[in-house]
């Protein structure tokens, strides 16, 4: 068998998602010559559903990607995995060429796990299950009213930041292009994720959305004060750290107050 099931032949090929995920990256790629595969999340969201892909599984289980593809293809041919549990897609290798991989739903991945094997099989299965659980919680959070409200606030603060950027540049006699807005967005993404890349806000949990909103407002204030890009690049991570520390301290103090109000005596 060549590892390319006919049921997948006519499927549309799309680039594998490269967004941030709640799972750390492996040090080495388990694919065959795909050095960029380490930037791919173990589990990601596609059309509102948590999915993984054969390349991420190969990396995590420490198996060759072509072997994982072969195993998945066999399971599909035997009917062990249904066609609704998979989707043929692609990723870009280090030579900027599109290569085949297969996306699997949570059910499809859980069925395939025992058949994958590999040097990191047991640990890989645990991490894959944990990743799906984390993303499932995130998807549930996104349906809440609080998440939607925070998303709207972040969108409003982005407009505020963009207006501040426009006014500052206009005062200097400069026009503001699309790439100027993109540079500001990437600066804030870097503060959140450590990477100067685009980011889908729809995949952020509520806490990170709230931090993003706060960063946008702070960046707008720094712009209005005439802070340079270098100065803002230094100030924003410090502000983010302070913001996160306050979020950690506040729940603890709330729990302590609840404990004391409940009748415990102070000593």
Protein backbone atom coordinates (compact mmCIF):
# COMPACT_ATOMS: atom_id res chain seq x y z
CA UNK A 1 0.00 0.00 0.00
CA UNK A 2 1.37 3.46 -0.89
CA UNK A 3 -0.16 5.30 2.08
CA UNK A 4 -2.44 7.51 -0.09
CA UNK A 5 -6.02 6.27 0.34
CA UNK A 6 -8.30 6.98 -2.59
CA UNK A 7 -10.93 8.43 -0.25
CA UNK A 8 -8.62 11.37 0.34
CA UNK A 9 -7.49 11.98 -3.23
CA UNK A 10 -10.11 14.55 -4.11
CA UNK A 11 -9.99 16.51 -0.88
CA UNK A 12 -9.00 20.15 -0.91
CA UNK A 13 -5.46 20.82 0.30
CA UNK A 14 -4.98 23.62 2.78
CA UNK A 15 -2.09 24.74 4.86
CA UNK A 16 -1.89 23.18 8.33
CA UNK A 17 -2.70 25.65 11.07
CA UNK A 18 0.37 27.34 12.59
CA UNK A 19 -1.27 29.19 15.46
CA UNK A 20 -0.35 29.18 19.01
CA UNK A 21 -1.55 26.39 21.22
CA UNK A 22 -1.36 25.45 24.91
CA UNK A 23 1.26 22.78 24.19
CA UNK A 24 5.01 23.24 24.13
CA UNK A 25 7.09 22.45 21.06
CA UNK A 26 9.29 19.41 20.68
CA UNK A 27 13.01 19.94 20.19
CA UNK A 28 13.18 17.90 17.01
CA UNK A 29 10.91 17.18 14.10
CA UNK A 30 9.79 13.60 13.65
CA UNK A 31 8.95 14.25 10.02
CA UNK A 32 11.29 13.53 7.16
CA UNK A 33 13.29 16.71 6.61
CA UNK A 34 10.60 19.16 7.75
CA UNK A 35 12.43 21.62 9.96
CA UNK A 36 9.48 23.94 10.27
CA UNK A 37 7.21 21.27 11.72
CA UNK A 38 8.16 22.17 15.31
CA UNK A 39 6.13 25.38 15.03
CA UNK A 40 2.94 23.41 14.51
CA UNK A 41 0.66 22.99 17.55
CA UNK A 42 -0.21 19.52 18.81
CA UNK A 43 -3.91 20.39 18.73
CA UNK A 44 -5.58 23.35 17.04
CA UNK A 45 -9.04 24.66 16.20
CA UNK A 46 -10.51 24.25 12.73
CA UNK A 47 -14.03 25.55 12.08
CA UNK A 48 -14.85 25.52 15.76
CA UNK A 49 -13.62 21.95 16.31
CA UNK A 50 -10.49 20.68 18.04
CA UNK A 51 -8.29 18.70 15.62
CA UNK A 52 -4.74 17.40 15.35
CA UNK A 53 -2.76 16.27 12.31
CA UNK A 54 -0.41 13.50 11.26
CA UNK A 55 2.67 15.74 11.33
CA UNK A 56 2.05 16.83 14.93
CA UNK A 57 1.44 13.20 15.94
CA UNK A 58 4.67 12.09 14.23
CA UNK A 59 6.60 14.75 16.09
CA UNK A 60 5.03 13.93 19.45
CA UNK A 61 5.25 10.14 19.12
CA UNK A 62 8.75 10.32 17.57
CA UNK A 63 7.83 8.46 14.44
CA UNK A 64 8.55 9.19 10.79
CA UNK A 65 5.73 11.20 9.28
CA UNK A 66 5.39 8.86 6.31
CA UNK A 67 4.93 5.92 8.72
CA UNK A 68 2.17 7.78 10.57
CA UNK A 69 0.49 8.58 7.24
CA UNK A 70 0.71 4.90 6.30
CA UNK A 71 -0.88 3.82 9.59
CA UNK A 72 -3.72 6.33 9.32
CA UNK A 73 -4.34 5.35 5.68
CA UNK A 74 -4.59 1.69 6.70
CA UNK A 75 -7.09 2.51 9.46
CA UNK A 76 -9.17 4.47 6.97
CA UNK A 77 -9.15 1.66 4.40
CA UNK A 78 -10.24 -0.86 7.04
CA UNK A 79 -13.02 1.44 8.22
CA UNK A 80 -11.52 1.76 11.69
CA UNK A 81 -11.49 5.53 11.22
CA UNK A 82 -14.44 7.02 9.35
CA UNK A 83 -14.00 9.50 6.51
CA UNK A 84 -15.77 12.15 8.60
CA UNK A 85 -12.97 11.92 11.18
CA UNK A 86 -10.22 12.98 8.75
CA UNK A 87 -9.40 15.71 6.26
CA UNK A 88 -6.48 15.80 3.85
CA UNK A 89 -4.49 19.00 4.17
CA UNK A 90 -0.88 20.12 3.72
CA UNK A 91 2.02 21.90 5.35
CA UNK A 92 5.01 23.83 4.00
CA UNK A 93 8.43 22.19 4.35
CA UNK A 94 11.79 23.97 4.67
CA UNK A 95 12.07 24.17 0.88
CA UNK A 96 8.75 26.04 0.77
CA UNK A 97 7.00 23.06 -0.83
CA UNK A 98 3.52 21.83 0.05
CA UNK A 99 3.55 18.34 1.58
CA UNK A 100 0.60 16.08 2.41
CA UNK A 101 -0.65 15.53 5.93
CA UNK A 102 -3.95 14.43 7.43
CA UNK A 103 -6.06 16.23 10.01
CA UNK A 104 -7.92 14.08 12.53
CA UNK A 105 -10.80 14.95 14.80
CA UNK A 106 -10.51 14.17 18.50
CA UNK A 107 -12.35 10.86 17.99
CA UNK A 108 -10.19 9.94 15.00
CA UNK A 109 -7.00 10.73 16.88
CA UNK A 110 -8.03 8.72 19.95
CA UNK A 111 -8.80 5.72 17.75
CA UNK A 112 -5.48 6.02 15.89
CA UNK A 113 -3.25 6.51 18.96
CA UNK A 114 -2.77 2.84 19.95
CA UNK A 115 -1.76 1.96 16.38
CA UNK A 116 0.87 4.70 15.97
CA UNK A 117 3.57 3.32 18.26
CA UNK A 118 6.93 5.08 18.36
CA UNK A 119 9.61 5.71 20.98
CA UNK A 120 7.43 8.26 22.77
CA UNK A 121 4.12 6.45 22.38
CA UNK A 122 2.88 6.43 25.97
CA UNK A 123 3.91 10.01 26.77
CA UNK A 124 2.61 11.12 23.38
CA UNK A 125 -0.81 9.64 24.07
CA UNK A 126 -1.02 11.40 27.44
CA UNK A 127 -0.02 14.76 25.98
CA UNK A 128 -2.43 14.40 23.07
CA UNK A 129 -5.35 13.63 25.37
CA UNK A 130 -4.39 16.52 27.67
CA UNK A 131 -4.14 18.87 24.69
CA UNK A 132 -7.64 17.97 23.53
CA UNK A 133 -8.98 18.49 27.07
CA UNK A 134 -7.37 21.94 27.30
CA UNK A 135 -8.70 22.99 23.92
CA UNK A 136 -12.15 21.60 24.74
CA UNK A 137 -12.23 23.83 27.83
CA UNK A 138 -11.13 26.77 25.71
CA UNK A 139 -13.90 26.15 23.19
CA UNK A 140 -16.43 25.98 26.01
CA UNK A 141 -15.11 29.24 27.41
CA UNK A 142 -15.52 30.94 24.03
CA UNK A 143 -19.26 30.29 24.09
CA UNK A 144 -19.64 32.22 27.35
CA UNK A 145 -21.00 35.77 27.48
CA UNK A 146 -17.90 36.92 29.37
CA UNK A 147 -15.59 35.81 26.54
CA UNK A 148 -17.74 37.58 23.96
CA UNK A 149 -17.76 40.78 25.99
CA UNK A 150 -13.99 40.68 26.39
CA UNK A 151 -13.58 40.06 22.65
CA UNK A 152 -15.64 43.17 21.89
CA UNK A 153 -13.61 45.23 24.35
CA UNK A 154 -10.37 44.06 22.74
CA UNK A 155 -11.68 45.04 19.31
CA UNK A 156 -12.61 48.49 20.61
CA UNK A 157 -9.22 49.00 22.26
CA UNK A 158 -7.50 48.00 18.99
CA UNK A 159 -9.41 50.75 17.19
CA UNK A 160 -8.37 53.18 19.93
CA UNK A 161 -4.72 52.18 19.52
CA UNK A 162 -4.96 52.52 15.73
CA UNK A 163 -6.41 56.01 16.05
CA UNK A 164 -3.60 57.01 18.40
CA UNK A 165 -1.06 55.70 15.89
CA UNK A 166 -2.69 57.68 13.08
CA UNK A 167 -2.74 60.93 15.08
CA UNK A 168 0.88 60.63 16.18
CA UNK A 169 2.08 59.95 12.65
CA UNK A 170 -0.13 62.72 11.25
CA UNK A 171 1.42 65.19 13.70
CA UNK A 172 4.80 64.23 12.24
CA UNK A 173 3.47 64.73 8.72
CA UNK A 174 3.47 60.99 7.97
CA UNK A 175 0.83 58.78 6.43
CA UNK A 176 -0.17 55.51 8.10
CA UNK A 177 -0.14 52.38 5.95
CA UNK A 178 -1.49 48.90 6.54
CA UNK A 179 1.94 47.65 7.53
CA UNK A 180 2.15 50.25 10.31
CA UNK A 181 -0.99 48.81 11.92
CA UNK A 182 0.39 45.30 11.37
CA UNK A 183 3.66 46.23 13.09
CA UNK A 184 1.79 47.41 16.17
CA UNK A 185 -0.35 44.27 16.24
CA UNK A 186 2.74 42.06 15.90
CA UNK A 187 4.45 43.96 18.71
CA UNK A 188 1.57 43.10 21.05
CA UNK A 189 1.48 39.52 19.76
CA UNK A 190 5.16 39.29 20.65
CA UNK A 191 4.43 40.44 24.19
CA UNK A 192 1.76 37.71 24.48
CA UNK A 193 3.49 34.82 22.69
CA UNK A 194 7.14 35.77 22.19
CA UNK A 195 6.71 35.75 18.40
CA UNK A 196 6.38 38.61 15.92
CA UNK A 197 3.66 36.83 13.95
CA UNK A 198 0.01 37.28 13.12
CA UNK A 199 -2.44 35.81 15.61
CA UNK A 200 -6.08 34.76 15.48
CA UNK A 201 -7.78 36.42 18.44
CA UNK A 202 -10.65 33.96 18.19
CA UNK A 203 -8.32 31.29 19.61
CA UNK A 204 -7.29 33.28 22.70
CA UNK A 205 -8.72 32.38 26.13
CA UNK A 206 -10.51 35.13 28.00
CA UNK A 207 -7.56 35.98 30.26
CA UNK A 208 -5.24 36.53 27.29
CA UNK A 209 -7.90 38.58 25.51
CA UNK A 210 -8.22 40.78 28.58
CA UNK A 211 -4.45 41.23 28.68
CA UNK A 212 -4.42 42.07 24.98
CA UNK A 213 -7.05 44.74 25.57
CA UNK A 214 -4.98 46.23 28.40
CA UNK A 215 -1.84 46.18 26.23
CA UNK A 216 -3.62 47.95 23.39
CA UNK A 217 -4.76 50.73 25.71
CA UNK A 218 -1.30 51.04 27.27
CA UNK A 219 0.36 51.09 23.83
CA UNK A 220 -2.03 53.85 22.73
CA UNK A 221 -1.06 55.88 25.80
CA UNK A 222 2.64 55.37 25.13
CA UNK A 223 2.17 56.40 21.51
CA UNK A 224 0.38 59.57 22.61
CA UNK A 225 3.26 60.35 24.98
CA UNK A 226 5.72 60.13 22.09
CA UNK A 227 7.42 56.89 23.20
CA UNK A 228 9.60 55.36 20.50
CA UNK A 229 9.16 51.81 19.21
CA UNK A 230 12.21 50.66 21.21
CA UNK A 231 10.86 52.28 24.38
CA UNK A 232 7.46 50.67 23.92
CA UNK A 233 9.05 47.31 23.18
CA UNK A 234 10.74 47.52 26.57
CA UNK A 235 7.80 48.93 28.52
CA UNK A 236 4.99 46.68 27.29
CA UNK A 237 6.44 43.33 28.50
CA UNK A 238 7.04 44.89 31.93
CA UNK A 239 3.44 46.08 32.01
CA UNK A 240 2.19 42.62 30.94
CA UNK A 241 4.17 41.00 33.75
CA UNK A 242 2.68 43.40 36.30
CA UNK A 243 -0.81 42.77 34.92
CA UNK A 244 -0.40 39.00 35.19
CA UNK A 245 0.94 39.25 38.74
CA UNK A 246 -2.09 41.30 39.81
CA UNK A 247 -4.37 38.63 38.31
CA UNK A 248 -2.58 35.96 40.36
CA UNK A 249 -2.71 37.91 43.62
CA UNK A 250 -6.36 38.96 43.34
CA UNK A 251 -7.92 35.44 43.34
CA UNK A 252 -5.79 34.50 46.37
CA UNK A 253 -6.97 37.52 48.34
CA UNK A 254 -10.57 36.78 47.35
CA UNK A 255 -10.27 33.21 48.64
CA UNK A 256 -8.76 34.48 51.90
CA UNK A 257 -11.60 36.97 52.40
CA UNK A 258 -14.16 34.25 51.77
CA UNK A 259 -12.43 32.02 54.31
CA UNK A 260 -12.39 34.75 56.96
CA UNK A 261 -15.98 35.82 56.34
CA UNK A 262 -17.02 32.19 56.67
CA UNK A 263 -16.21 32.23 60.37
CA UNK A 264 -12.50 31.47 60.68
CA UNK A 265 -10.67 33.52 63.28
CA UNK A 266 -7.50 35.48 62.61
CA UNK A 267 -4.49 34.74 64.77
